[in-house]
Amino acid sequence: MTSVETLKPTRRRFTTDEYHRMAEIGVLLEDERVELIEGEILRMSAKGSRHNGCIIALDDLLREQLNRDTAMISV
């Protein structure tokens, strides 16, 4: 039998299907800001003005560098 001292916690990684199912049944709340990254569910910080400024700057940069006829841009 294994003693409690020898047990080590392990991470449980989730699949995309499991993640979506958790949202469907209410384990993850609709307004909860979380993302599934490499199998882990991570809480994300709220978008603020700094975040929005970066998105606008990145969008502008990509539009300047890429041909709009051959690339669809969504940041």
N, C-alpha and C. Protein backbone atom coordinates (compact mmCIF):
# COMPACT_ATOMS: atom_id res chain seq x y z
N MET A 1 0.84 -1.18 0.00
CA MET A 1 0.00 0.00 0.00
C MET A 1 0.89 1.25 0.00
N THR A 2 0.45 2.29 -0.67
CA THR A 2 1.22 3.53 -0.78
C THR A 2 0.89 4.46 0.37
N SER A 3 1.92 5.04 0.97
CA SER A 3 1.67 6.00 2.05
C SER A 3 1.36 7.36 1.45
N VAL A 4 0.73 8.21 2.22
CA VAL A 4 0.36 9.55 1.78
C VAL A 4 1.60 10.36 1.41
N GLU A 5 2.68 10.15 2.09
CA GLU A 5 3.91 10.91 1.85
C GLU A 5 4.50 10.65 0.47
N THR A 6 4.26 9.49 -0.11
CA THR A 6 4.85 9.18 -1.41
C THR A 6 3.97 9.61 -2.58
N LEU A 7 2.74 9.99 -2.32
CA LEU A 7 1.86 10.44 -3.40
C LEU A 7 2.25 11.84 -3.84
N LYS A 8 2.34 12.02 -5.12
CA LYS A 8 2.67 13.34 -5.66
C LYS A 8 1.50 13.81 -6.52
N PRO A 9 1.13 15.08 -6.39
CA PRO A 9 0.04 15.57 -7.24
C PRO A 9 0.46 15.60 -8.70
N THR A 10 -0.47 15.30 -9.57
CA THR A 10 -0.21 15.37 -11.00
C THR A 10 -1.25 16.28 -11.64
N ARG A 11 -0.88 16.88 -12.74
CA ARG A 11 -1.81 17.75 -13.46
C ARG A 11 -2.73 16.91 -14.33
N ARG A 12 -3.97 17.31 -14.35
CA ARG A 12 -4.96 16.65 -15.21
C ARG A 12 -5.19 17.56 -16.40
N ARG A 13 -4.79 17.15 -17.57
CA ARG A 13 -4.99 17.95 -18.78
C ARG A 13 -6.34 17.60 -19.40
N PHE A 14 -6.97 18.62 -19.97
CA PHE A 14 -8.29 18.45 -20.55
C PHE A 14 -8.22 18.53 -22.07
N THR A 15 -9.11 17.82 -22.73
CA THR A 15 -9.22 17.91 -24.18
C THR A 15 -10.16 19.07 -24.52
N THR A 16 -10.15 19.45 -25.78
CA THR A 16 -11.05 20.51 -26.24
C THR A 16 -12.51 20.10 -26.03
N ASP A 17 -12.82 18.85 -26.32
CA ASP A 17 -14.20 18.37 -26.12
C ASP A 17 -14.61 18.46 -24.65
N GLU A 18 -13.72 18.08 -23.75
CA GLU A 18 -14.03 18.16 -22.31
C GLU A 18 -14.24 19.61 -21.88
N TYR A 19 -13.40 20.49 -22.39
CA TYR A 19 -13.50 21.92 -22.08
C TYR A 19 -14.86 22.47 -22.52
N HIS A 20 -15.25 22.16 -23.75
CA HIS A 20 -16.54 22.64 -24.26
C HIS A 20 -17.71 22.03 -23.49
N ARG A 21 -17.57 20.78 -23.11
CA ARG A 21 -18.62 20.12 -22.32
C ARG A 21 -18.77 20.79 -20.95
N MET A 22 -17.65 21.17 -20.34
CA MET A 22 -17.71 21.85 -19.04
C MET A 22 -18.47 23.17 -19.16
N ALA A 23 -18.28 23.86 -20.28
CA ALA A 23 -19.02 25.11 -20.50
C ALA A 23 -20.50 24.83 -20.70
N GLU A 24 -20.82 23.77 -21.43
CA GLU A 24 -22.22 23.41 -21.70
C GLU A 24 -22.99 23.09 -20.43
N ILE A 25 -22.36 22.37 -19.50
CA ILE A 25 -23.08 21.94 -18.31
C ILE A 25 -22.95 22.90 -17.13
N GLY A 26 -22.23 24.01 -17.33
CA GLY A 26 -22.16 25.04 -16.31
C GLY A 26 -20.99 24.96 -15.35
N VAL A 27 -20.06 24.05 -15.60
CA VAL A 27 -18.85 24.01 -14.76
C VAL A 27 -18.06 25.30 -14.97
N LEU A 28 -17.97 25.72 -16.22
CA LEU A 28 -17.36 27.01 -16.56
C LEU A 28 -18.50 27.98 -16.82
N LEU A 29 -18.49 29.10 -16.13
CA LEU A 29 -19.57 30.06 -16.27
C LEU A 29 -19.44 30.84 -17.57
N GLU A 30 -20.57 31.28 -18.09
CA GLU A 30 -20.60 31.96 -19.38
C GLU A 30 -19.74 33.22 -19.40
N ASP A 31 -19.74 33.97 -18.30
CA ASP A 31 -18.98 35.22 -18.26
C ASP A 31 -17.58 35.05 -17.66
N GLU A 32 -17.20 33.81 -17.39
CA GLU A 32 -15.89 33.53 -16.82
C GLU A 32 -14.83 33.62 -17.91
N ARG A 33 -13.77 34.38 -17.66
CA ARG A 33 -12.71 34.58 -18.65
C ARG A 33 -11.64 33.50 -18.47
N VAL A 34 -11.82 32.40 -19.18
CA VAL A 34 -10.86 31.30 -19.13
C VAL A 34 -10.53 30.85 -20.54
N GLU A 35 -9.36 30.23 -20.68
CA GLU A 35 -8.94 29.66 -21.95
C GLU A 35 -8.30 28.31 -21.69
N LEU A 36 -8.42 27.43 -22.66
CA LEU A 36 -7.76 26.13 -22.60
C LEU A 36 -6.44 26.26 -23.35
N ILE A 37 -5.34 26.15 -22.63
CA ILE A 37 -4.01 26.29 -23.23
C ILE A 37 -3.19 25.06 -22.86
N GLU A 38 -2.83 24.29 -23.88
CA GLU A 38 -2.06 23.06 -23.70
C GLU A 38 -2.68 22.15 -22.65
N GLY A 39 -4.01 22.04 -22.69
CA GLY A 39 -4.72 21.13 -21.80
C GLY A 39 -5.05 21.70 -20.43
N GLU A 40 -4.57 22.89 -20.12
CA GLU A 40 -4.85 23.51 -18.83
C GLU A 40 -5.84 24.64 -18.99
N ILE A 41 -6.76 24.75 -18.04
CA ILE A 41 -7.73 25.84 -18.05
C ILE A 41 -7.14 26.97 -17.22
N LEU A 42 -6.91 28.09 -17.90
CA LEU A 42 -6.27 29.23 -17.25
C LEU A 42 -7.22 30.42 -17.18
N ARG A 43 -7.24 31.08 -16.03
CA ARG A 43 -8.01 32.32 -15.90
C ARG A 43 -7.27 33.43 -16.62
N MET A 44 -8.01 34.22 -17.36
CA MET A 44 -7.43 35.32 -18.12
C MET A 44 -7.83 36.64 -17.47
N SER A 45 -6.94 37.61 -17.54
CA SER A 45 -7.25 38.92 -16.97
C SER A 45 -8.22 39.65 -17.90
N ALA A 46 -8.91 40.60 -17.33
CA ALA A 46 -9.87 41.39 -18.10
C ALA A 46 -9.13 42.26 -19.12
N LYS A 47 -9.79 42.48 -20.24
CA LYS A 47 -9.21 43.36 -21.25
C LYS A 47 -9.34 44.79 -20.78
N GLY A 48 -8.25 45.52 -20.86
CA GLY A 48 -8.26 46.92 -20.46
C GLY A 48 -7.85 47.80 -21.62
N SER A 49 -7.68 49.08 -21.36
CA SER A 49 -7.34 50.02 -22.42
C SER A 49 -5.96 49.72 -23.01
N ARG A 50 -5.03 49.25 -22.18
CA ARG A 50 -3.69 48.91 -22.68
C ARG A 50 -3.79 47.73 -23.66
N HIS A 51 -4.58 46.74 -23.30
CA HIS A 51 -4.79 45.58 -24.16
C HIS A 51 -5.41 46.02 -25.49
N ASN A 52 -6.44 46.84 -25.41
CA ASN A 52 -7.11 47.31 -26.63
C ASN A 52 -6.16 48.11 -27.51
N GLY A 53 -5.30 48.92 -26.91
CA GLY A 53 -4.32 49.68 -27.67
C GLY A 53 -3.36 48.77 -28.42
N CYS A 54 -2.94 47.70 -27.77
CA CYS A 54 -2.03 46.73 -28.41
C CYS A 54 -2.73 46.03 -29.58
N ILE A 55 -3.99 45.69 -29.40
CA ILE A 55 -4.75 45.04 -30.47
C ILE A 55 -4.85 45.96 -31.69
N ILE A 56 -5.16 47.22 -31.46
CA ILE A 56 -5.29 48.18 -32.56
C ILE A 56 -3.94 48.35 -33.27
N ALA A 57 -2.86 48.48 -32.50
CA ALA A 57 -1.53 48.65 -33.09
C ALA A 57 -1.13 47.43 -33.90
N LEU A 58 -1.40 46.24 -33.38
CA LEU A 58 -1.06 45.01 -34.10
C LEU A 58 -1.89 44.89 -35.38
N ASP A 59 -3.16 45.21 -35.29
CA ASP A 59 -4.03 45.18 -36.46
C ASP A 59 -3.51 46.12 -37.55
N ASP A 60 -3.16 47.35 -37.16
CA ASP A 60 -2.62 48.32 -38.12
C ASP A 60 -1.33 47.83 -38.76
N LEU A 61 -0.44 47.28 -37.95
CA LEU A 61 0.84 46.77 -38.45
C LEU A 61 0.64 45.65 -39.46
N LEU A 62 -0.23 44.70 -39.12
CA LEU A 62 -0.48 43.58 -40.03
C LEU A 62 -1.12 44.04 -41.33
N ARG A 63 -2.04 44.98 -41.24
CA ARG A 63 -2.69 45.49 -42.45
C ARG A 63 -1.68 46.20 -43.36
N GLU A 64 -0.71 46.87 -42.78
CA GLU A 64 0.33 47.54 -43.58
C GLU A 64 1.24 46.51 -44.27
N GLN A 65 1.54 45.41 -43.57
CA GLN A 65 2.51 44.44 -44.06
C GLN A 65 1.91 43.39 -45.00
N LEU A 66 0.63 43.12 -44.86
CA LEU A 66 0.01 42.05 -45.64
C LEU A 66 -0.93 42.61 -46.70
N ASN A 67 -1.02 41.90 -47.78
CA ASN A 67 -1.93 42.28 -48.86
C ASN A 67 -3.35 41.90 -48.46
N ARG A 68 -4.24 42.86 -48.41
CA ARG A 68 -5.62 42.61 -47.99
C ARG A 68 -6.35 41.65 -48.93
N ASP A 69 -5.89 41.56 -50.18
CA ASP A 69 -6.55 40.67 -51.14
C ASP A 69 -6.22 39.20 -50.88
N THR A 70 -5.10 38.94 -50.21
CA THR A 70 -4.69 37.55 -49.99
C THR A 70 -4.70 37.14 -48.53
N ALA A 71 -4.95 38.07 -47.62
CA ALA A 71 -4.92 37.73 -46.20
C ALA A 71 -6.14 38.30 -45.49
N MET A 72 -6.74 37.48 -44.64
CA MET A 72 -7.82 37.94 -43.79
C MET A 72 -7.22 38.20 -42.41
N ILE A 73 -7.43 39.38 -41.88
CA ILE A 73 -6.82 39.75 -40.61
C ILE A 73 -7.90 39.88 -39.54
N SER A 74 -7.69 39.20 -38.43
CA SER A 74 -8.58 39.30 -37.28
C SER A 74 -7.74 39.17 -36.03
N VAL A 75 -7.60 40.25 -35.30
CA VAL A 75 -6.77 40.24 -34.09
C VAL A 75 -7.67 40.31 -32.88
